[in-house]
Amino acid sequence: MKYVISGKNMEVTDSLREAVESKLGKLEKYFAPDTKCMVKLTVEKGGRERAEVTIPVKKGILRSEQVSNDMYVSIDLVEEAIERQLKKYKKKLIDRRQTGADFQQAFVEKEYDVPEEEIVISRSKKFEIKPMYPEDACVQMELLGHSFFVFNNADTGATNVVYKRKNGAYGLIEPEA
């Protein structure tokens, strides 16, 4: 795997870089050698230390972030979370049409004993999507008490989603042109 390691509010030391490459190196048995692994290490207010890992694969993204009081613990936790995701969603990640190009052949062929969780849609809702600006959509989302809101962007005409992030800020999801 190819690692892109960055730090926010901190310097990525050689020992941290080695810890990331060593711990996430355990995942190399699942991925093709040219797979890119983006790691962001952040020190937050209050001493919390966050490790975020994003691994783009064909038709998807594997992503996890873990927070603890120690960066090395956060790195351990994020590696375990990515490995669980891989095993749990293996069948969904490896589409027959893509032939698992992003993954090692041994991973594609091996069966993992992971309990099947049935996905159940318990409620369906229909609503009119109105054109509005992202800021107005955020206000509407807050009024409804939801964590996300779907709307048509008044500027672009495209369907967008605004959402509340863990840090309290807002995010906007827009389709690519």
C-alpha atoms as a PDB file:
ATOM      1  CA  MET A   1       0.000   0.000   0.000  1.00  0.00           C
ATOM      2  CA  LYS A   2       1.010   3.573  -0.553  1.00  0.00           C
ATOM      3  CA  TYR A   3       0.592   5.765   2.531  1.00  0.00           C
ATOM      4  CA  VAL A   4      -0.210   9.472   2.544  1.00  0.00           C
ATOM      5  CA  ILE A   5       0.144  10.575   6.174  1.00  0.00           C
ATOM      6  CA  SER A   6      -0.695  14.096   7.292  1.00  0.00           C
ATOM      7  CA  GLY A   7      -1.017  15.830  10.635  1.00  0.00           C
ATOM      8  CA  LYS A   8      -3.312  18.598  11.825  1.00  0.00           C
ATOM      9  CA  ASN A   9      -2.284  20.645  14.892  1.00  0.00           C
ATOM     10  CA  MET A  10       0.731  18.348  15.215  1.00  0.00           C
ATOM     11  CA  GLU A  11       3.894  17.195  13.505  1.00  0.00           C
ATOM     12  CA  VAL A  12       3.977  13.631  12.187  1.00  0.00           C
ATOM     13  CA  THR A  13       7.134  12.241  13.767  1.00  0.00           C
ATOM     14  CA  ASP A  14       9.126   9.321  12.418  1.00  0.00           C
ATOM     15  CA  SER A  15       7.870   7.099  15.256  1.00  0.00           C
ATOM     16  CA  LEU A  16       4.239   7.978  14.463  1.00  0.00           C
ATOM     17  CA  ARG A  17       4.857   7.333  10.767  1.00  0.00           C
ATOM     18  CA  GLU A  18       6.409   3.947  11.629  1.00  0.00           C
ATOM     19  CA  ALA A  19       3.470   3.100  13.917  1.00  0.00           C
ATOM     20  CA  VAL A  20       0.964   3.919  11.163  1.00  0.00           C
ATOM     21  CA  GLU A  21       2.833   1.948   8.508  1.00  0.00           C
ATOM     22  CA  SER A  22       3.379  -0.986  10.882  1.00  0.00           C
ATOM     23  CA  LYS A  23      -0.198  -1.165  12.161  1.00  0.00           C
ATOM     24  CA  LEU A  24      -1.917  -0.471   8.842  1.00  0.00           C
ATOM     25  CA  GLY A  25       0.635  -2.705   7.152  1.00  0.00           C
ATOM     26  CA  LYS A  26      -1.425  -5.593   8.528  1.00  0.00           C
ATOM     27  CA  LEU A  27      -4.094  -4.570   6.022  1.00  0.00           C
ATOM     28  CA  GLU A  28      -1.739  -5.004   3.051  1.00  0.00           C
ATOM     29  CA  LYS A  29      -2.710  -8.683   2.844  1.00  0.00           C
ATOM     30  CA  TYR A  30      -6.157  -7.532   1.682  1.00  0.00           C
ATOM     31  CA  PHE A  31      -5.210  -4.876  -0.889  1.00  0.00           C
ATOM     32  CA  ALA A  32      -3.383  -4.651  -4.194  1.00  0.00           C
ATOM     33  CA  PRO A  33       0.126  -3.142  -3.850  1.00  0.00           C
ATOM     34  CA  ASP A  34      -0.797   0.164  -5.539  1.00  0.00           C
ATOM     35  CA  THR A  35      -3.731   0.879  -3.196  1.00  0.00           C
ATOM     36  CA  LYS A  36      -3.575   4.362  -1.674  1.00  0.00           C
ATOM     37  CA  CYS A  37      -4.158   4.714   2.080  1.00  0.00           C
ATOM     38  CA  MET A  38      -4.729   8.260   3.333  1.00  0.00           C
ATOM     39  CA  VAL A  39      -4.136   8.816   7.049  1.00  0.00           C
ATOM     40  CA  LYS A  40      -4.880  12.041   8.901  1.00  0.00           C
ATOM     41  CA  LEU A  41      -3.686  12.413  12.498  1.00  0.00           C
ATOM     42  CA  THR A  42      -5.231  15.259  14.497  1.00  0.00           C
ATOM     43  CA  VAL A  43      -4.772  16.638  17.989  1.00  0.00           C
ATOM     44  CA  GLU A  44      -8.025  18.255  19.118  1.00  0.00           C
ATOM     45  CA  LYS A  45      -8.831  20.654  21.922  1.00  0.00           C
ATOM     46  CA  GLY A  46      -8.920  18.904  25.266  1.00  0.00           C
ATOM     47  CA  GLY A  47      -6.096  16.524  24.372  1.00  0.00           C
ATOM     48  CA  ARG A  48      -8.194  14.125  22.275  1.00  0.00           C
ATOM     49  CA  GLU A  49      -6.184  12.497  19.495  1.00  0.00           C
ATOM     50  CA  ARG A  50      -7.921  11.389  16.298  1.00  0.00           C
ATOM     51  CA  ALA A  51      -6.737   8.967  13.612  1.00  0.00           C
ATOM     52  CA  GLU A  52      -8.682   8.965  10.330  1.00  0.00           C
ATOM     53  CA  VAL A  53      -8.042   6.412   7.580  1.00  0.00           C
ATOM     54  CA  THR A  54      -9.553   6.607   4.096  1.00  0.00           C
ATOM     55  CA  ILE A  55      -8.919   3.921   1.484  1.00  0.00           C
ATOM     56  CA  PRO A  56     -10.559   4.531  -1.901  1.00  0.00           C
ATOM     57  CA  VAL A  57     -11.537   1.348  -3.721  1.00  0.00           C
ATOM     58  CA  LYS A  58     -13.373   0.910  -6.980  1.00  0.00           C
ATOM     59  CA  LYS A  59     -17.042   1.787  -6.458  1.00  0.00           C
ATOM     60  CA  GLY A  60     -16.562   2.860  -2.834  1.00  0.00           C
ATOM     61  CA  ILE A  61     -14.499   4.086   0.068  1.00  0.00           C
ATOM     62  CA  LEU A  62     -13.380   2.381   3.253  1.00  0.00           C
ATOM     63  CA  ARG A  63     -13.188   4.932   6.031  1.00  0.00           C
ATOM     64  CA  SER A  64     -12.865   4.985   9.776  1.00  0.00           C
ATOM     65  CA  GLU A  65     -11.929   7.495  12.413  1.00  0.00           C
ATOM     66  CA  GLN A  66     -11.164   6.747  16.025  1.00  0.00           C
ATOM     67  CA  VAL A  67     -10.498   9.103  18.933  1.00  0.00           C
ATOM     68  CA  SER A  68      -8.707   8.437  22.211  1.00  0.00           C
ATOM     69  CA  ASN A  69      -6.315  10.152  24.609  1.00  0.00           C
ATOM     70  CA  ASP A  70      -3.298   8.502  22.935  1.00  0.00           C
ATOM     71  CA  MET A  71      -2.507   8.645  19.203  1.00  0.00           C
ATOM     72  CA  TYR A  72      -1.028   5.137  19.206  1.00  0.00           C
ATOM     73  CA  VAL A  73      -4.275   3.762  20.687  1.00  0.00           C
ATOM     74  CA  SER A  74      -6.284   5.673  18.054  1.00  0.00           C
ATOM     75  CA  ILE A  75      -4.130   4.126  15.311  1.00  0.00           C
ATOM     76  CA  ASP A  76      -4.706   0.625  16.753  1.00  0.00           C
ATOM     77  CA  LEU A  77      -8.466   1.213  16.951  1.00  0.00           C
ATOM     78  CA  VAL A  78      -8.750   2.566  13.422  1.00  0.00           C
ATOM     79  CA  GLU A  79      -6.857  -0.420  11.990  1.00  0.00           C
ATOM     80  CA  GLU A  80      -9.189  -2.845  13.778  1.00  0.00           C
ATOM     81  CA  ALA A  81     -12.249  -0.954  12.517  1.00  0.00           C
ATOM     82  CA  ILE A  82     -11.083  -1.025   8.880  1.00  0.00           C
ATOM     83  CA  GLU A  83     -10.320  -4.754   9.120  1.00  0.00           C
ATOM     84  CA  ARG A  84     -13.809  -5.435  10.554  1.00  0.00           C
ATOM     85  CA  GLN A  85     -15.357  -3.407   7.729  1.00  0.00           C
ATOM     86  CA  LEU A  86     -13.407  -5.352   5.135  1.00  0.00           C
ATOM     87  CA  LYS A  87     -14.491  -8.724   6.467  1.00  0.00           C
ATOM     88  CA  LYS A  88     -18.075  -7.665   7.064  1.00  0.00           C
ATOM     89  CA  TYR A  89     -18.668  -6.065   3.689  1.00  0.00           C
ATOM     90  CA  LYS A  90     -16.395  -8.248   1.576  1.00  0.00           C
ATOM     91  CA  LYS A  91     -19.195  -9.524  -0.648  1.00  0.00           C
ATOM     92  CA  LYS A  92     -20.500  -6.010  -1.225  1.00  0.00           C
ATOM     93  CA  LEU A  93     -17.052  -4.545  -1.867  1.00  0.00           C
ATOM     94  CA  ILE A  94     -15.986  -7.174  -4.349  1.00  0.00           C
ATOM     95  CA  ASP A  95     -18.470  -6.959  -7.164  1.00  0.00           C
ATOM     96  CA  ARG A  96     -18.196  -9.755  -9.732  1.00  0.00           C
ATOM     97  CA  ARG A  97     -17.954  -7.164 -12.518  1.00  0.00           C
ATOM     98  CA  GLN A  98     -14.897  -5.527 -10.951  1.00  0.00           C
ATOM     99  CA  THR A  99     -13.272  -8.880 -10.104  1.00  0.00           C
ATOM    100  CA  GLY A 100     -11.770  -7.453  -6.928  1.00  0.00           C
ATOM    101  CA  ALA A 101      -9.111  -5.436  -8.751  1.00  0.00           C
ATOM    102  CA  ASP A 102      -8.315  -3.390  -5.640  1.00  0.00           C
ATOM    103  CA  PHE A 103      -7.869  -6.464  -3.443  1.00  0.00           C
ATOM    104  CA  GLN A 104      -5.392  -9.322  -3.047  1.00  0.00           C
ATOM    105  CA  GLN A 105      -6.619 -12.555  -4.657  1.00  0.00           C
ATOM    106  CA  ALA A 106      -6.261 -14.437  -1.338  1.00  0.00           C
ATOM    107  CA  PHE A 107      -8.720 -12.003   0.294  1.00  0.00           C
ATOM    108  CA  VAL A 108     -11.176 -12.344  -2.584  1.00  0.00           C
ATOM    109  CA  GLU A 109     -11.147 -16.148  -2.384  1.00  0.00           C
ATOM    110  CA  LYS A 110     -11.117 -16.597   1.416  1.00  0.00           C
ATOM    111  CA  GLU A 111     -14.397 -17.000   3.281  1.00  0.00           C
ATOM    112  CA  TYR A 112     -14.674 -15.166   6.602  1.00  0.00           C
ATOM    113  CA  ASP A 113     -16.995 -16.231   9.384  1.00  0.00           C
ATOM    114  CA  VAL A 114     -18.845 -12.984   9.935  1.00  0.00           C
ATOM    115  CA  PRO A 115     -22.423 -12.995  11.208  1.00  0.00           C
ATOM    116  CA  GLU A 116     -24.819 -11.824   8.509  1.00  0.00           C
ATOM    117  CA  GLU A 117     -26.770  -8.754   9.466  1.00  0.00           C
ATOM    118  CA  GLU A 118     -29.909  -8.318   7.450  1.00  0.00           C
ATOM    119  CA  ILE A 119     -30.525  -4.777   6.310  1.00  0.00           C
ATOM    120  CA  VAL A 120     -34.113  -3.838   7.068  1.00  0.00           C
ATOM    121  CA  ILE A 121     -35.711  -0.597   5.922  1.00  0.00           C
ATOM    122  CA  SER A 122     -38.244   0.034   8.658  1.00  0.00           C
ATOM    123  CA  ARG A 123     -39.789   3.204   7.274  1.00  0.00           C
ATOM    124  CA  SER A 124     -40.190   4.872   3.919  1.00  0.00           C
ATOM    125  CA  LYS A 125     -40.985   8.541   3.449  1.00  0.00           C
ATOM    126  CA  LYS A 126     -41.876  10.709   0.460  1.00  0.00           C
ATOM    127  CA  PHE A 127     -41.569  14.467   0.423  1.00  0.00           C
ATOM    128  CA  GLU A 128     -41.329  17.327  -2.019  1.00  0.00           C
ATOM    129  CA  ILE A 129     -37.775  18.489  -2.642  1.00  0.00           C
ATOM    130  CA  LYS A 130     -37.804  22.277  -2.828  1.00  0.00           C
ATOM    131  CA  PRO A 131     -35.129  24.506  -4.332  1.00  0.00           C
ATOM    132  CA  MET A 132     -33.207  26.403  -1.644  1.00  0.00           C
ATOM    133  CA  TYR A 133     -29.737  27.587  -0.763  1.00  0.00           C
ATOM    134  CA  PRO A 134     -27.481  25.380   1.406  1.00  0.00           C
ATOM    135  CA  GLU A 135     -27.689  27.822   4.327  1.00  0.00           C
ATOM    136  CA  ASP A 136     -31.513  27.688   4.216  1.00  0.00           C
ATOM    137  CA  ALA A 137     -31.358  23.893   4.090  1.00  0.00           C
ATOM    138  CA  CYS A 138     -29.228  23.909   7.274  1.00  0.00           C
ATOM    139  CA  VAL A 139     -31.841  26.051   9.017  1.00  0.00           C
ATOM    140  CA  GLN A 140     -34.623  23.714   7.845  1.00  0.00           C
ATOM    141  CA  MET A 141     -32.631  20.669   9.048  1.00  0.00           C
ATOM    142  CA  GLU A 142     -32.234  22.246  12.498  1.00  0.00           C
ATOM    143  CA  LEU A 143     -35.939  23.111  12.649  1.00  0.00           C
ATOM    144  CA  LEU A 144     -36.813  19.473  11.902  1.00  0.00           C
ATOM    145  CA  GLY A 145     -34.252  18.173  14.406  1.00  0.00           C
ATOM    146  CA  HIS A 146     -32.597  15.934  11.798  1.00  0.00           C
ATOM    147  CA  SER A 147     -28.915  15.220  11.263  1.00  0.00           C
ATOM    148  CA  PHE A 148     -29.179  15.633   7.457  1.00  0.00           C
ATOM    149  CA  PHE A 149     -31.465  17.276   4.897  1.00  0.00           C
ATOM    150  CA  VAL A 150     -31.975  16.598   1.165  1.00  0.00           C
ATOM    151  CA  PHE A 151     -32.775  19.569  -1.096  1.00  0.00           C
ATOM    152  CA  ASN A 152     -32.416  20.959  -4.612  1.00  0.00           C
ATOM    153  CA  ASN A 153     -29.702  23.591  -4.734  1.00  0.00           C
ATOM    154  CA  ALA A 154     -31.217  26.878  -5.950  1.00  0.00           C
ATOM    155  CA  ASP A 155     -27.899  27.846  -7.600  1.00  0.00           C
ATOM    156  CA  THR A 156     -27.135  24.614  -9.467  1.00  0.00           C
ATOM    157  CA  GLY A 157     -30.481  22.787  -9.635  1.00  0.00           C
ATOM    158  CA  ALA A 158     -28.734  19.613  -8.451  1.00  0.00           C
ATOM    159  CA  THR A 159     -29.899  17.465  -5.540  1.00  0.00           C
ATOM    160  CA  ASN A 160     -27.645  18.123  -2.525  1.00  0.00           C
ATOM    161  CA  VAL A 161     -27.460  16.982   1.088  1.00  0.00           C
ATOM    162  CA  VAL A 162     -26.473  19.058   4.101  1.00  0.00           C
ATOM    163  CA  TYR A 163     -25.520  17.267   7.304  1.00  0.00           C
ATOM    164  CA  LYS A 164     -24.385  18.008  10.838  1.00  0.00           C
ATOM    165  CA  ARG A 165     -20.800  16.939  11.523  1.00  0.00           C
ATOM    166  CA  LYS A 166     -19.569  15.502  14.821  1.00  0.00           C
ATOM    167  CA  ASN A 167     -17.770  18.754  15.624  1.00  0.00           C
ATOM    168  CA  GLY A 168     -21.038  20.727  15.283  1.00  0.00           C
ATOM    169  CA  ALA A 169     -20.194  22.256  11.898  1.00  0.00           C
ATOM    170  CA  TYR A 170     -22.201  21.584   8.732  1.00  0.00           C
ATOM    171  CA  GLY A 171     -21.248  19.600   5.654  1.00  0.00           C
ATOM    172  CA  LEU A 172     -22.557  19.784   2.080  1.00  0.00           C
ATOM    173  CA  ILE A 173     -22.643  16.838  -0.322  1.00  0.00           C
ATOM    174  CA  GLU A 174     -22.867  17.760  -4.008  1.00  0.00           C
ATOM    175  CA  PRO A 175     -22.856  15.417  -7.018  1.00  0.00           C
ATOM    176  CA  GLU A 176     -19.873  15.644  -9.339  1.00  0.00           C
ATOM    177  CA  ALA A 177     -20.536  17.169 -12.740  1.00  0.00           C
END
